[in-house]
Protein backbone atom coordinates (compact mmCIF):
# COMPACT_ATOMS: atom_id res chain seq x y z
CA MET A 1 0.00 0.00 0.00
CA LEU A 2 1.23 3.48 -0.89
CA HIS A 3 0.79 6.63 1.19
CA HIS A 4 1.06 10.25 0.13
CA GLN A 5 0.58 13.16 2.50
CA GLN A 6 0.76 16.89 2.05
CA ILE A 7 -0.43 19.99 3.86
CA LEU A 8 -2.28 22.57 1.80
CA LYS A 9 -2.28 26.16 3.02
CA ILE A 10 -5.54 27.79 2.02
CA LYS A 11 -6.01 31.53 2.31
CA THR A 12 -9.50 32.71 3.20
CA THR A 13 -10.72 36.29 3.05
CA GLY A 14 -13.45 35.94 5.64
CA LYS A 15 -16.69 34.10 6.30
CA SER A 16 -17.61 32.09 3.20
CA LEU A 17 -17.50 28.65 1.57
CA TYR A 18 -14.37 28.10 -0.55
CA ASN A 19 -14.38 25.41 -3.22
CA ILE A 20 -11.16 23.49 -2.66
CA THR A 21 -12.01 20.52 -4.91
CA PRO A 22 -9.35 21.35 -7.54
CA LYS A 23 -6.62 21.52 -4.87
CA ILE A 24 -7.63 18.09 -3.55
CA GLU A 25 -7.83 16.66 -7.07
CA ASP A 26 -4.27 17.89 -7.71
CA ALA A 27 -3.02 16.24 -4.52
CA VAL A 28 -4.66 12.95 -5.52
CA ALA A 29 -3.21 13.14 -9.04
CA ASN A 30 0.27 13.84 -7.65
CA SER A 31 0.04 10.89 -5.27
CA GLY A 32 0.26 8.25 -8.00
CA ILE A 33 -2.48 6.30 -6.25
CA GLU A 34 -5.09 4.78 -8.54
CA THR A 35 -7.40 3.01 -6.09
CA GLY A 36 -7.74 4.00 -2.47
CA LEU A 37 -8.95 6.64 -0.08
CA CYS A 38 -8.37 10.37 0.31
CA SER A 39 -8.59 11.52 3.92
CA LEU A 40 -8.86 15.23 4.67
CA PHE A 41 -8.26 16.86 8.04
CA LEU A 42 -8.60 20.58 8.73
CA ARG A 43 -6.31 21.66 11.56
CA HIS A 44 -8.60 24.35 12.99
CA THR A 45 -11.53 24.81 15.39
CA SER A 46 -13.19 27.79 13.71
CA ALA A 47 -13.46 26.50 10.14
CA SER A 48 -14.80 23.26 8.72
CA LEU A 49 -15.11 20.98 5.71
CA VAL A 50 -18.29 20.09 3.87
CA ILE A 51 -19.10 18.13 0.74
CA GLN A 52 -21.93 19.97 -0.94
CA GLU A 53 -23.66 21.10 -4.14
CA ASN A 54 -21.22 22.60 -6.63
CA ALA A 55 -23.58 23.68 -9.41
CA ASP A 56 -25.99 26.18 -7.87
CA PRO A 57 -24.43 28.81 -5.56
CA ASP A 58 -27.86 29.44 -4.02
CA VAL A 59 -27.42 26.17 -2.08
CA LEU A 60 -24.26 27.49 -0.43
CA GLN A 61 -25.91 30.82 0.38
CA ASP A 62 -28.92 29.04 1.91
CA LEU A 63 -26.58 26.90 4.04
CA ALA A 64 -24.69 29.97 5.23
CA ASN A 65 -27.95 31.79 6.03
CA PHE A 66 -29.32 28.79 7.92
CA LEU A 67 -26.18 28.35 10.04
CA ALA A 68 -26.07 32.10 10.78
CA LYS A 69 -29.63 31.91 12.15
CA LEU A 70 -28.94 28.69 14.05
CA VAL A 71 -25.76 30.07 15.66
CA PRO A 72 -26.04 33.86 15.78
CA GLU A 73 -23.17 36.19 16.48
CA GLY A 74 -23.54 38.67 19.30
CA ALA A 75 -25.38 36.27 21.58
CA SER A 76 -24.26 36.09 25.20
CA TYR A 77 -21.35 33.69 24.88
CA ILE A 78 -18.79 33.41 27.66
CA HIS A 79 -15.88 32.78 25.27
CA ASP A 80 -15.25 35.89 23.18
CA ALA A 81 -11.46 36.24 23.44
CA GLU A 82 -11.10 37.03 19.72
CA GLY A 83 -14.34 38.95 19.21
CA PRO A 84 -18.06 38.36 18.79
CA ASP A 85 -17.56 35.78 16.01
CA ASP A 86 -15.19 33.64 18.12
CA MET A 87 -17.56 31.27 19.96
CA PRO A 88 -20.12 31.10 17.12
CA ALA A 89 -17.28 29.93 14.84
CA HIS A 90 -16.41 27.12 17.28
CA ILE A 91 -20.06 26.03 17.52
CA ARG A 92 -20.46 26.06 13.71
CA THR A 93 -17.37 23.89 13.39
CA ALA A 94 -18.73 21.46 16.01
CA LEU A 95 -21.97 21.15 14.00
CA THR A 96 -20.15 20.43 10.73
CA HIS A 97 -16.89 18.49 10.14
CA THR A 98 -13.15 18.96 10.31
CA SER A 99 -12.48 15.75 8.36
CA GLU A 100 -13.82 13.94 5.32
CA GLN A 101 -13.00 10.76 3.42
CA ILE A 102 -13.51 10.28 -0.31
CA PRO A 103 -12.87 7.05 -2.23
CA ILE A 104 -10.47 7.11 -5.19
CA ALA A 105 -10.81 5.06 -8.40
CA ARG A 106 -8.71 5.34 -11.56
CA GLY A 107 -6.69 8.06 -9.85
CA ARG A 108 -9.70 10.34 -9.30
CA LEU A 109 -11.97 11.31 -6.43
CA LEU A 110 -15.28 9.45 -6.58
CA LEU A 111 -17.41 12.51 -5.87
CA GLY A 112 -20.97 12.61 -7.14
CA THR A 113 -21.83 14.65 -10.23
CA TRP A 114 -22.90 17.72 -8.26
CA GLN A 115 -20.55 17.39 -5.28
CA GLY A 116 -17.68 19.68 -4.37
CA ILE A 117 -15.40 19.89 -1.34
CA TYR A 118 -15.57 23.19 0.53
CA LEU A 119 -13.59 24.80 3.29
CA TRP A 120 -16.11 26.76 5.34
CA GLU A 121 -14.53 29.76 7.01
CA HIS A 122 -16.61 30.71 10.05
CA ARG A 123 -14.63 33.81 11.09
CA GLN A 124 -15.23 37.35 9.82
CA ARG A 125 -11.61 38.01 8.94
CA GLY A 126 -9.40 35.94 6.67
CA HIS A 127 -6.96 33.30 7.83
CA PHE A 128 -4.43 30.86 6.43
CA ARG A 129 -5.95 27.43 7.02
CA GLU A 130 -3.99 24.18 6.95
CA LEU A 131 -5.55 21.10 5.40
CA VAL A 132 -3.84 17.72 5.71
CA VAL A 133 -4.45 15.57 2.63
CA HIS A 134 -3.57 11.91 3.15
CA VAL A 135 -3.98 9.58 0.18
CA SER A 136 -3.54 5.86 0.63
CA GLY A 137 -4.06 2.94 -1.70
CA VAL A 138 -2.41 1.15 -4.60
CA GLY A 139 -0.73 2.49 -7.70
CA SER A 140 -1.54 1.64 -11.31
CA GLU A 141 0.46 -1.60 -11.23
CA PHE A 142 -1.94 -3.02 -8.60
CA ALA A 143 -5.20 -1.16 -9.32
CA PRO A 144 -8.16 -3.12 -10.69
CA ARG A 145 -9.18 -2.20 -14.23
């Protein structure tokens, strides 16, 4: 079994969903792995990962609006060391994911037709986020055809 690991540094400019699918696809292509699994891990507690609709941006806006209503900023949170968006960002991350796993076949992610991988920045200001991409599996000499 082969393993390939790299850390992607992703710059965000503030609260939004960022399509990182092409960056993950590049990491998988560079791994040389044909059949296996791509594991993603975001090394932060105020941003998250989601696999979601990649065709209609209204879906992403509706998700952002829903989560903003569910976890409002400015509520009476005890933890506010970094501002009024601090604790809401932690709660939003707890309600979503900081890791995902996607199967790989023929050297490509097996995402559905309308699926994309998004980094969801929950803070108002931008950050550099670190995403660990770990690809494991077999190369072309062992992959089923």
